[in-house]
Amino acid sequence: MTCYDFLVKNYDRKKGHIIYLGHKMSINKLIKNIDDFAISLIKLGFIKGDTLTIYLPNCPQAITAFYACSKIGIIANIVHPLTPLEKLKENLIQTKSKGLLFYDILIRNQKELKDLNQILIKCSITNYVFFRKFFYFIYKIHKTKDIRGTIKFSKLIKHNQKDNDIKTYANKNTIVCTMHSGGTSGCPKIVALQNKAFDELSISLEKMYTRKERGGGSEYGIVSLPLFHAYGLGVSIHTCLTNKYSIILEPNFNPKKIIKLIKKYNVTFFAGVPIMFKKLIENKKFGGKHLQKIRDLWCGGDILNESFVEHFDTILKQYKCPARLLRGYGLTEVCSVCSVNTLENYKKNSCGKAIPNTKIEIWDDENNITKSNTVGEIVVCSPSVMKYYIDDKDGFVVKDNQIWIKTGDLGYLDKDGFLYVLDRKKRSIKINAINIFPAEIENVAKANPNIDEACAVFYHFNEKTYVKLYITLKNKEVNIERLKREVLQDCKKNLLKYAIPKIIEVIDEMPRTNFGKVDYKKLNVI
């Protein structure tokens, strides 16, 4: 099946809903919008194998577009909605994108999109939100500049034509989307995932996690993880919808808002990253009887401190919540989750056991399996494995006729098969669960003719992670403060906001390893 087929087969037809900014929409209506949008894409000239770029936050339009692409064999290229336009242009070229789906209020001057050579489809909050619609409309008029030739999303989800006559050739092996990853080496890459990757993930997690007993009315999962993250799309959206959960879409994580939603709806599921859970318990209104509804809390995307887990679980127990904070591990190359703890199988400090139909091993440098409790590289064999990297058809290791992904992470398995993740072998920085790649920051800096070398590292302040950039100079006579301003301006133009250095420091020379490479570990600020 495609992801679309799997959704249509398994969603809750009677009670399934999507909540977005206070507006409630049935999943039956979502399916109708998906069907109509698929027809419109075909009429616009899209054919199987073409790429549509989804440049949107968590919203119904993004979900509609993803499943419509799945239905007719188009590749959904999902990118961060705050990606700078220069980086977006590079992405569109690299993925051979044919169309761009964007939010009107996120692009103030839409004329900047004119030269992208894309079929431009404009989305608006008012497509699905009717309360305060007038105020959104007034805001858009005063804050954005439209461009001729864009197509309104609202017109593409209204059809009288039935889709019975549409011939599609998509199946489980068809590539359904491309997503960004740090690869296995720390260099940014684009991952191509097939329909079956998401469906197999949903099936495995249902076997391992989903509670069979159900409360009255529809159960809800909160989607605060971003759509462009495999963890968000694969777990919070596709797995929830195909296991008969309704979902609440939150474009921005706000702990106060999340707590209100838990109280208002029958929220039983929430998946997040460590910083989200830290922010939740910092809020004075987190504790209360409303926690008794929650049955599943999943945490991944970054390393989680055990003392925090114990503190969080103590609060849950205090209010008689049946759940506990369950740590997991995964990567985009296998459609997010590949190992998780459960209430039945749980060990402190671990990321649980491999999910059903997935194998996890620890290899040494010669690709030999290590003994229990021996540190090595984590490798994964999964039915949710990627098809390939864009512009890099490799990325796999074939061993004993099985495809394995070398994660680039260090860890070990104990005698019972529980996985313990120790460190990231690949050089990338996680900020708000988003991969930040030092090499990209360094390349921007080194484009300045006055800079010889650059090294980006991370540091922590008030439990937040920031980037610090060290540079050495070619020209010792340069005005250092002016140079720092120039580098900062270039970073703002070319990088995500999380990758922009908070501190730029000039040093005489970079520390070196025995092999003559820059020793970035000596520059890390703990």
Protein backbone atom coordinates (compact mmCIF):
# COMPACT_ATOMS: atom_id res chain seq x y z
CA MET A 1 0.00 0.00 0.00
CA THR A 2 0.92 3.65 -0.30
CA CYS A 3 0.74 5.88 2.77
CA TYR A 4 -2.52 7.23 1.34
CA ASP A 5 -3.98 3.71 0.96
CA PHE A 6 -2.89 2.80 4.49
CA LEU A 7 -4.50 5.95 5.88
CA VAL A 8 -7.81 5.36 4.08
CA LYS A 9 -7.89 1.77 5.30
CA ASN A 10 -7.10 2.48 8.95
CA TYR A 11 -8.27 5.91 10.12
CA ASP A 12 -11.18 6.38 12.55
CA ARG A 13 -14.10 7.04 10.20
CA LYS A 14 -16.61 7.85 12.93
CA LYS A 15 -14.68 10.00 15.39
CA GLY A 16 -11.40 10.94 13.69
CA HIS A 17 -10.58 14.66 13.72
CA ILE A 18 -7.75 17.13 13.26
CA ILE A 19 -7.60 20.17 15.52
CA TYR A 20 -5.77 23.20 14.15
CA LEU A 21 -5.69 26.59 15.91
CA GLY A 22 -8.97 25.80 17.66
CA HIS A 23 -10.71 24.64 14.48
CA LYS A 24 -11.98 21.05 14.28
CA MET A 25 -11.99 19.21 10.96
CA SER A 26 -13.06 15.62 10.41
CA ILE A 27 -10.57 13.24 8.83
CA ASN A 28 -13.33 12.37 6.36
CA LYS A 29 -13.04 15.95 5.13
CA LEU A 30 -9.26 15.66 5.09
CA ILE A 31 -9.53 12.61 2.82
CA LYS A 32 -11.80 14.56 0.48
CA ASN A 33 -9.28 17.43 0.39
CA ILE A 34 -6.47 14.96 -0.33
CA ASP A 35 -8.42 13.45 -3.24
CA ASP A 36 -9.23 16.86 -4.69
CA PHE A 37 -5.68 18.14 -4.28
CA ALA A 38 -4.36 15.03 -6.04
CA ILE A 39 -6.66 15.72 -9.00
CA SER A 40 -5.46 19.34 -9.09
CA LEU A 41 -1.80 18.34 -9.11
CA ILE A 42 -2.41 16.10 -12.12
CA LYS A 43 -4.24 18.93 -13.88
CA LEU A 44 -1.27 21.20 -13.16
CA GLY A 45 0.95 18.76 -15.03
CA PHE A 46 2.49 16.74 -12.22
CA ILE A 47 3.26 13.12 -13.08
CA LYS A 48 4.69 10.19 -11.14
CA GLY A 49 8.26 10.92 -10.06
CA ASP A 50 7.88 14.72 -10.05
CA THR A 51 8.69 16.61 -6.86
CA LEU A 52 6.49 19.02 -4.90
CA THR A 53 8.29 20.98 -2.18
CA ILE A 54 6.33 21.43 1.06
CA TYR A 55 7.62 24.63 2.65
CA LEU A 56 5.10 24.72 5.50
CA PRO A 57 4.81 24.44 9.29
CA ASN A 58 2.53 21.86 10.94
CA CYS A 59 -0.81 22.57 9.28
CA PRO A 60 -3.62 20.72 7.44
CA GLN A 61 -2.30 21.85 4.05
CA ALA A 62 1.01 20.09 4.66
CA ILE A 63 -0.72 16.83 5.62
CA THR A 64 -3.07 17.11 2.64
CA ALA A 65 -0.14 17.62 0.28
CA PHE A 66 1.89 14.71 1.71
CA TYR A 67 -0.92 12.16 1.31
CA ALA A 68 -1.95 13.53 -2.10
CA CYS A 69 1.65 13.06 -3.27
CA SER A 70 1.60 9.52 -1.88
CA LYS A 71 -1.62 8.75 -3.74
CA ILE A 72 -0.37 9.69 -7.21
CA GLY A 73 3.34 8.92 -6.94
CA ILE A 74 4.72 12.44 -6.52
CA ILE A 75 7.68 13.01 -4.21
CA ALA A 76 6.97 15.37 -1.31
CA ASN A 77 10.17 17.29 -0.61
CA ILE A 78 9.63 18.46 2.99
CA VAL A 79 11.79 21.36 4.15
CA HIS A 80 11.97 23.61 7.20
CA PRO A 81 9.52 26.53 6.66
CA LEU A 82 12.14 29.00 7.94
CA THR A 83 14.88 27.85 5.58
CA PRO A 84 16.54 30.97 4.06
CA LEU A 85 15.64 31.50 0.43
CA GLU A 86 19.23 31.00 -0.74
CA LYS A 87 19.32 27.56 0.86
CA LEU A 88 15.81 26.84 -0.42
CA LYS A 89 16.96 27.57 -3.98
CA GLU A 90 19.80 25.07 -3.59
CA ASN A 91 17.36 22.48 -2.29
CA LEU A 92 14.90 22.99 -5.14
CA ILE A 93 17.67 22.43 -7.66
CA GLN A 94 19.08 19.42 -5.85
CA THR A 95 15.70 17.69 -5.59
CA LYS A 96 14.55 18.77 -9.09
CA SER A 97 11.45 20.32 -7.57
CA LYS A 98 8.58 21.26 -9.88
CA GLY A 99 6.28 23.05 -7.42
CA LEU A 100 6.44 24.94 -4.13
CA LEU A 101 3.74 24.98 -1.46
CA PHE A 102 4.21 27.92 0.93
CA TYR A 103 2.43 29.90 3.68
CA ASP A 104 1.55 33.47 2.69
CA ILE A 105 2.32 35.07 6.08
CA LEU A 106 5.76 33.42 6.35
CA ILE A 107 7.03 35.09 3.18
CA ARG A 108 6.60 38.83 3.51
CA ASN A 109 7.62 39.63 -0.05
CA GLN A 110 6.49 36.85 -2.36
CA LYS A 111 8.28 38.49 -5.28
CA GLU A 112 11.38 36.78 -3.95
CA LEU A 113 9.86 33.50 -5.16
CA LYS A 114 9.47 34.72 -8.72
CA ASP A 115 12.78 33.39 -10.03
CA LEU A 116 12.57 29.95 -8.43
CA ASN A 117 11.07 28.40 -11.59
CA GLN A 118 8.37 26.63 -9.61
CA ILE A 119 4.62 26.16 -9.79
CA LEU A 120 3.75 28.34 -6.78
CA ILE A 121 0.87 27.28 -4.54
CA LYS A 122 -0.06 29.73 -1.79
CA CYS A 123 -1.57 28.52 1.48
CA SER A 124 -3.27 30.62 4.14
CA ILE A 125 -4.32 30.14 7.74
CA THR A 126 -7.82 31.05 6.57
CA ASN A 127 -8.00 27.88 4.43
CA TYR A 128 -9.00 25.96 7.56
CA VAL A 129 -9.48 28.51 10.34
CA PHE A 130 -12.77 30.40 10.31
CA PHE A 131 -12.62 32.00 13.74
CA ARG A 132 -10.74 35.32 13.58
CA LYS A 133 -10.58 34.86 9.78
CA PHE A 134 -11.12 38.57 9.20
CA PHE A 135 -8.14 39.50 11.41
CA TYR A 136 -5.82 37.08 9.59
CA PHE A 137 -6.98 38.59 6.31
CA ILE A 138 -6.23 42.15 7.46
CA TYR A 139 -2.82 41.10 8.78
CA LYS A 140 -1.91 39.49 5.46
CA ILE A 141 -2.89 42.61 3.48
CA HIS A 142 -0.65 44.85 5.56
CA LYS A 143 2.29 42.50 6.14
CA THR A 144 2.75 40.58 2.87
CA LYS A 145 3.20 41.41 -0.80
CA ASP A 146 1.55 39.00 -3.24
CA ILE A 147 2.89 37.97 -6.61
CA ARG A 148 0.97 37.26 -9.79
CA GLY A 149 0.85 33.71 -11.02
CA THR A 150 0.52 32.00 -7.66
CA ILE A 151 -2.27 29.47 -7.26
CA LYS A 152 -4.45 29.51 -4.17
CA PHE A 153 -4.53 26.24 -2.26
CA SER A 154 -8.21 26.81 -1.47
CA LYS A 155 -9.07 26.49 -5.18
CA LEU A 156 -7.20 23.20 -5.49
CA ILE A 157 -9.30 21.35 -2.89
CA LYS A 158 -12.66 22.05 -4.50
CA HIS A 159 -13.62 19.62 -7.25
CA ASN A 160 -16.78 18.06 -8.57
CA GLN A 161 -14.76 15.56 -10.56
CA LYS A 162 -14.42 12.09 -9.07
CA ASP A 163 -10.99 10.50 -8.99
CA ASN A 164 -12.16 7.13 -10.28
CA ASP A 165 -10.74 7.87 -13.71
CA ILE A 166 -7.30 8.90 -12.42
CA LYS A 167 -4.69 6.30 -13.22
CA THR A 168 -1.93 6.14 -10.65
CA TYR A 169 0.99 3.78 -10.48
CA ALA A 170 2.21 4.44 -6.96
CA ASN A 171 2.82 1.50 -4.64
CA LYS A 172 4.64 0.67 -1.42
CA ASN A 173 8.04 0.92 -3.13
CA THR A 174 7.41 4.35 -4.64
CA ILE A 175 9.41 7.19 -3.08
CA VAL A 176 6.93 9.30 -1.12
CA CYS A 177 9.15 12.01 0.36
CA THR A 178 12.61 13.43 0.82
CA MET A 179 13.87 14.71 4.18
CA HIS A 180 17.07 16.18 5.53
CA SER A 181 19.53 14.23 7.65
CA GLY A 182 23.05 14.46 9.01
CA GLY A 183 23.85 11.26 7.14
CA THR A 184 26.18 8.81 8.85
CA SER A 185 29.17 11.13 8.67
CA GLY A 186 27.80 14.45 9.89
CA CYS A 187 27.56 15.94 6.40
CA PRO A 188 24.03 17.16 5.49
CA LYS A 189 22.25 14.84 3.08
CA ILE A 190 18.76 14.40 1.68
CA VAL A 191 17.08 11.06 2.39
CA ALA A 192 14.58 9.45 0.00
CA LEU A 193 11.93 7.39 1.82
CA GLN A 194 9.41 4.98 0.30
CA ASN A 195 5.74 4.59 1.22
CA LYS A 196 6.43 1.28 2.93
CA ALA A 197 8.88 2.93 5.34
CA PHE A 198 6.10 4.91 7.04
CA ASP A 199 3.58 2.04 6.90
CA GLU A 200 6.03 -0.47 8.39
CA LEU A 201 6.84 2.02 11.16
CA SER A 202 3.15 2.36 12.03
CA ILE A 203 2.66 -1.42 12.07
CA SER A 204 5.71 -2.00 14.28
CA LEU A 205 4.81 0.68 16.79
CA GLU A 206 1.23 -0.59 16.98
CA LYS A 207 2.55 -4.02 17.86
CA MET A 208 4.92 -2.66 20.47
CA TYR A 209 3.15 0.32 21.94
CA THR A 210 -0.47 1.11 21.24
CA ARG A 211 -2.83 0.33 24.10
CA LYS A 212 -5.80 -1.81 23.10
CA GLU A 213 -8.19 -0.40 25.67
CA ARG A 214 -9.81 2.84 24.54
CA GLY A 215 -11.67 5.54 26.39
CA GLY A 216 -14.94 7.15 25.42
CA GLY A 217 -14.74 9.35 22.39
CA SER A 218 -11.81 9.84 20.10
CA GLU A 219 -8.30 9.76 21.55
CA TYR A 220 -5.90 12.55 20.64
CA GLY A 221 -2.20 12.83 20.06
CA ILE A 222 -0.51 16.23 20.07
CA VAL A 223 1.72 16.97 17.06
CA SER A 224 4.28 19.51 18.20
CA LEU A 225 7.23 17.83 16.49
CA PRO A 226 7.76 19.43 13.07
CA LEU A 227 6.47 17.78 9.91
CA PHE A 228 9.90 18.07 8.25
CA HIS A 229 11.28 15.79 10.99
CA ALA A 230 10.85 12.02 10.34
CA TYR A 231 9.96 11.61 14.01
CA GLY A 232 7.12 14.12 13.60
CA LEU A 233 5.73 12.89 10.29
CA GLY A 234 6.31 9.18 10.88
CA VAL A 235 5.25 8.89 14.52
CA SER A 236 3.12 11.87 15.55
CA ILE A 237 1.14 12.03 12.31
CA HIS A 238 1.14 8.83 10.22
CA THR A 239 1.34 6.35 13.10
CA CYS A 240 -1.32 8.23 15.07
CA LEU A 241 -3.78 8.60 12.18
CA THR A 242 -3.41 4.99 11.03
CA ASN A 243 -3.94 3.74 14.58
CA LYS A 244 -7.24 5.61 14.83
CA TYR A 245 -6.04 8.56 16.87
CA SER A 246 -7.16 12.10 16.20
CA ILE A 247 -4.38 14.67 16.17
CA ILE A 248 -3.88 18.23 17.36
CA LEU A 249 -1.52 20.23 15.13
CA GLU A 250 0.66 22.78 16.90
CA PRO A 251 2.88 24.89 14.57
CA ASN A 252 4.99 26.13 17.51
CA PHE A 253 5.77 24.39 20.78
CA ASN A 254 4.31 26.35 23.68
CA PRO A 255 4.22 24.52 27.05
CA LYS A 256 1.32 26.58 28.35
CA LYS A 257 -0.71 25.79 25.23
CA ILE A 258 0.19 22.08 25.35
CA ILE A 259 -1.02 21.83 28.95
CA LYS A 260 -4.32 23.52 28.03
CA LEU A 261 -4.81 21.06 25.17
CA ILE A 262 -4.18 18.09 27.46
CA LYS A 263 -6.85 19.42 29.80
CA LYS A 264 -9.38 20.20 27.06
CA TYR A 265 -9.13 17.04 24.94
CA ASN A 266 -8.77 13.35 25.67
CA VAL A 267 -5.03 13.54 25.01
CA THR A 268 -3.39 10.19 25.65
CA PHE A 269 -0.25 10.53 23.52
CA PHE A 270 2.57 13.04 23.17
CA ALA A 271 5.93 12.59 21.46
CA GLY A 272 8.68 15.13 21.90
CA VAL A 273 12.35 15.88 22.37
CA PRO A 274 14.09 16.48 25.72
CA ILE A 275 13.81 20.28 25.67
CA MET A 276 10.03 20.03 25.24
CA PHE A 277 9.60 17.87 28.33
CA LYS A 278 11.93 20.13 30.31
CA LYS A 279 9.80 23.15 29.40
CA LEU A 280 6.61 21.31 30.33
CA ILE A 281 7.60 20.50 33.91
CA GLU A 282 8.99 24.01 34.39
CA ASN A 283 5.44 25.28 33.94
CA LYS A 284 3.59 25.53 37.27
CA LYS A 285 0.37 24.23 35.73
CA PHE A 286 1.87 21.01 34.40
CA GLY A 287 0.79 18.90 37.37
CA GLY A 288 -2.85 18.00 37.91
CA LYS A 289 -5.62 15.45 37.39
CA HIS A 290 -5.44 16.01 33.63
CA LEU A 291 -2.25 13.91 33.57
CA GLN A 292 -4.32 10.84 34.42
CA LYS A 293 -5.51 10.72 30.79
CA ILE A 294 -2.03 10.30 29.33
CA ARG A 295 -0.88 6.77 28.57
CA ASP A 296 2.11 7.22 26.23
CA LEU A 297 4.96 9.75 26.43
CA TRP A 298 7.81 9.17 24.00
CA CYS A 299 11.09 11.06 24.02
CA GLY A 300 13.75 10.94 21.30
CA GLY A 301 15.75 13.17 19.00
CA ASP A 302 18.57 13.76 21.48
CA ILE A 303 20.36 12.30 24.50
CA LEU A 304 18.19 12.33 27.64
CA ASN A 305 19.62 12.54 31.15
CA GLU A 306 18.48 9.72 33.46
CA SER A 307 18.11 12.01 36.49
CA PHE A 308 15.65 14.11 34.51
CA VAL A 309 13.66 10.99 33.51
CA GLU A 310 13.36 9.97 37.16
CA HIS A 311 12.28 13.49 38.16
CA PHE A 312 9.68 13.59 35.37
CA ASP A 313 8.32 10.14 36.28
CA THR A 314 8.03 11.19 39.94
CA ILE A 315 5.73 14.04 38.92
CA LEU A 316 3.62 11.70 36.78
CA LYS A 317 3.30 9.22 39.63
CA GLN A 318 2.33 11.99 42.05
CA TYR A 319 -0.77 12.74 39.94
CA LYS A 320 -1.54 9.04 39.27
CA CYS A 321 -0.60 9.19 35.60
CA PRO A 322 -0.31 5.63 34.19
CA ALA A 323 2.42 6.68 31.75
CA ARG A 324 6.13 7.23 32.21
CA LEU A 325 8.65 9.06 30.06
CA LEU A 326 9.91 6.44 27.60
CA ARG A 327 13.23 6.99 25.87
CA GLY A 328 13.80 5.86 22.29
CA TYR A 329 16.37 6.07 19.51
CA GLY A 330 16.16 6.51 15.75
CA LEU A 331 17.32 8.33 12.65
CA THR A 332 15.83 9.67 9.44
CA GLU A 333 17.46 6.91 7.36
CA VAL A 334 15.07 4.37 8.94
CA CYS A 335 12.07 6.71 9.13
CA SER A 336 12.82 7.75 12.74
CA VAL A 337 12.27 5.20 15.53
CA CYS A 338 14.17 1.91 15.58
CA SER A 339 14.34 1.17 19.34
CA VAL A 340 12.18 2.15 22.30
CA ASN A 341 11.46 1.39 25.92
CA THR A 342 7.98 0.22 26.89
CA LEU A 343 6.20 -0.11 30.21
CA GLU A 344 6.71 -3.85 29.99
CA ASN A 345 10.34 -3.77 28.83
CA TYR A 346 12.27 -0.94 30.44
CA LYS A 347 15.81 -0.35 31.66
CA LYS A 348 17.32 2.81 33.10
CA ASN A 349 19.67 4.77 30.84
CA SER A 350 18.73 2.62 27.84
CA CYS A 351 16.85 3.43 24.63
CA GLY A 352 14.95 0.17 24.88
CA LYS A 353 14.92 -2.78 22.53
CA ALA A 354 14.62 -2.85 18.75
CA ILE A 355 11.05 -2.43 17.51
CA PRO A 356 9.42 -5.45 15.77
CA ASN A 357 10.94 -6.51 12.43
CA THR A 358 14.02 -4.35 13.10
CA LYS A 359 17.52 -5.55 13.99
CA ILE A 360 20.14 -3.53 15.86
CA GLU A 361 23.76 -4.61 16.17
CA ILE A 362 27.03 -3.07 17.36
CA TRP A 363 29.96 -3.30 14.94
CA ASP A 364 33.65 -2.63 15.26
CA ASP A 365 35.69 -0.79 12.61
CA GLU A 366 35.89 -3.95 10.48
CA ASN A 367 32.09 -4.43 10.51
CA ASN A 368 32.28 -7.37 12.92
CA ILE A 369 29.60 -7.81 15.59
CA THR A 370 30.88 -6.95 19.05
CA LYS A 371 30.13 -8.84 22.25
CA SER A 372 27.48 -7.67 24.73
CA ASN A 373 28.37 -4.51 26.65
CA THR A 374 31.15 -3.68 24.15
CA VAL A 375 31.13 -0.18 22.69
CA GLY A 376 31.04 0.17 18.91
CA GLU A 377 29.04 1.76 16.11
CA ILE A 378 25.27 1.26 16.17
CA VAL A 379 23.97 -0.33 12.95
CA VAL A 380 20.34 -0.91 11.98
CA CYS A 381 18.53 -3.27 9.61
CA SER A 382 14.90 -2.22 9.16
CA PRO A 383 11.97 -2.59 6.73
CA SER A 384 11.68 1.21 7.04
CA VAL A 385 15.14 1.77 5.58
CA MET A 386 15.59 4.63 3.12
CA LYS A 387 15.78 4.04 -0.62
CA TYR A 388 18.94 6.15 -0.97
CA TYR A 389 20.52 9.56 -0.40
CA ILE A 390 19.85 12.15 -3.10
CA ASP A 391 23.05 12.54 -5.20
CA ASP A 392 24.57 9.59 -3.31
CA LYS A 393 23.10 6.20 -4.16
CA ASP A 394 25.19 4.46 -1.51
CA GLY A 395 24.88 4.93 2.25
CA PHE A 396 24.33 1.24 2.94
CA VAL A 397 26.35 -1.78 3.99
CA VAL A 398 25.19 -5.11 2.56
CA LYS A 399 26.10 -8.00 4.85
CA ASP A 400 24.71 -11.53 4.67
CA ASN A 401 22.26 -10.35 1.98
CA GLN A 402 20.77 -7.77 4.35
CA ILE A 403 20.91 -3.98 4.11
CA TRP A 404 22.37 -2.22 7.14
CA ILE A 405 22.60 1.47 8.00
CA LYS A 406 25.70 2.58 9.88
CA THR A 407 24.31 5.30 12.14
CA GLY A 408 27.56 7.03 13.02
CA ASP A 409 26.57 6.81 16.70
CA LEU A 410 28.44 4.96 19.43
CA GLY A 411 26.77 2.63 21.90
CA TYR A 412 26.38 -0.93 23.11
CA LEU A 413 23.79 -3.66 23.62
CA ASP A 414 23.49 -5.48 26.93
CA LYS A 415 22.87 -9.24 27.19
CA ASP A 416 19.09 -8.65 27.10
CA GLY A 417 19.18 -6.61 23.88
CA PHE A 418 18.68 -3.15 25.40
CA LEU A 419 20.45 -0.36 23.50
CA TYR A 420 22.59 2.25 25.24
CA VAL A 421 23.61 5.30 23.19
CA LEU A 422 26.81 6.93 24.41
CA ASP A 423 27.81 9.61 21.92
CA ARG A 424 27.45 10.82 18.36
CA LYS A 425 30.29 9.63 16.18
CA LYS A 426 29.17 11.92 13.39
CA ARG A 427 29.84 15.58 13.93
CA SER A 428 26.55 17.40 14.16
CA ILE A 429 24.85 19.59 16.72
CA LYS A 430 21.25 19.08 17.83
CA ILE A 431 19.43 22.28 18.73
CA ASN A 432 15.68 21.90 19.41
CA ALA A 433 15.97 18.45 17.81
CA ILE A 434 17.11 19.98 14.52
CA ASN A 435 20.45 18.90 13.08
CA ILE A 436 22.90 21.77 12.82
CA PHE A 437 25.98 20.97 10.77
CA PRO A 438 29.25 22.68 11.76
CA ALA A 439 30.64 22.19 8.26
CA GLU A 440 27.90 24.42 6.80
CA ILE A 441 28.62 27.19 9.30
CA GLU A 442 32.35 26.91 8.71
CA ASN A 443 31.93 27.07 4.93
CA VAL A 444 29.92 30.28 5.21
CA ALA A 445 32.62 31.82 7.41
CA LYS A 446 35.51 30.69 5.20
CA ALA A 447 33.89 32.35 2.19
CA ASN A 448 35.10 35.63 3.71
CA PRO A 449 38.51 36.43 2.13
CA ASN A 450 39.97 37.53 5.48
CA ILE A 451 39.33 34.20 7.23
CA ASP A 452 41.82 31.34 7.08
CA GLU A 453 40.14 28.59 9.12
CA ALA A 454 36.86 28.23 10.99
CA CYS A 455 35.56 25.75 13.55
CA ALA A 456 31.97 25.70 14.88
CA VAL A 457 31.26 24.06 18.23
CA PHE A 458 28.41 24.15 20.75
CA TYR A 459 28.01 25.43 24.25
CA HIS A 460 25.25 25.39 26.87
CA PHE A 461 23.77 28.36 28.68
CA ASN A 462 20.66 28.21 30.87
CA GLU A 463 19.98 24.66 29.59
CA LYS A 464 19.93 25.85 25.99
CA THR A 465 22.40 24.97 23.26
CA TYR A 466 24.09 27.61 21.10
CA VAL A 467 26.78 27.75 18.43
CA LYS A 468 30.20 29.28 19.00
CA LEU A 469 32.43 29.98 16.00
CA TYR A 470 36.21 30.10 16.23
CA ILE A 471 38.12 31.72 13.36
CA THR A 472 41.74 32.36 12.40
CA LEU A 473 42.78 35.22 10.15
CA LYS A 474 44.68 35.53 6.90
CA ASN A 475 45.06 39.25 7.38
CA LYS A 476 46.10 40.18 10.93
CA GLU A 477 45.48 43.87 10.23
CA VAL A 478 41.77 43.48 9.55
CA ASN A 479 39.19 45.25 11.71
CA ILE A 480 38.02 42.34 13.86
CA GLU A 481 34.69 43.78 14.96
CA ARG A 482 33.75 44.66 11.40
CA LEU A 483 34.77 41.17 10.29
CA LYS A 484 32.57 39.58 12.96
CA ARG A 485 29.60 41.65 11.76
CA GLU A 486 30.23 40.55 8.17
CA VAL A 487 30.38 36.86 9.15
CA LEU A 488 27.23 37.18 11.25
CA GLN A 489 25.38 38.83 8.36
CA ASP A 490 26.46 36.05 5.97
CA CYS A 491 25.29 33.42 8.46
CA LYS A 492 21.88 35.07 8.82
CA LYS A 493 21.51 35.07 5.04
CA ASN A 494 22.52 31.45 4.46
CA LEU A 495 21.71 29.43 7.59
CA LEU A 496 18.78 28.44 9.77
CA LYS A 497 18.42 30.70 12.79
CA TYR A 498 19.55 27.90 15.14
CA ALA A 499 22.85 27.66 13.24
CA ILE A 500 23.72 31.35 13.57
CA PRO A 501 26.66 31.70 16.02
CA LYS A 502 25.96 33.51 19.26
CA ILE A 503 29.68 34.03 19.81
CA ILE A 504 32.47 34.56 17.27
CA GLU A 505 35.99 34.37 18.66
CA VAL A 506 39.29 35.01 16.89
CA ILE A 507 42.19 32.75 17.91
CA ASP A 508 45.81 32.64 16.72
CA GLU A 509 45.71 29.03 15.51
CA MET A 510 43.48 25.96 15.63
CA PRO A 511 44.35 23.02 17.89
CA ARG A 512 45.35 19.92 15.92
CA THR A 513 44.97 16.18 16.25
CA ASN A 514 47.87 13.81 15.66
CA PHE A 515 46.72 13.56 12.06
CA GLY A 516 46.90 17.31 11.52
CA LYS A 517 43.12 17.88 11.50
CA VAL A 518 41.43 20.63 13.51
CA ASP A 519 40.69 19.16 16.94
CA TYR A 520 37.17 20.53 17.45
CA LYS A 521 36.74 18.56 20.66
CA LYS A 522 39.31 20.77 22.38
CA LEU A 523 37.27 23.82 21.40
CA ASN A 524 33.92 22.51 22.69
CA VAL A 525 32.68 24.53 25.65
CA ILE A 526 31.10 22.17 28.15
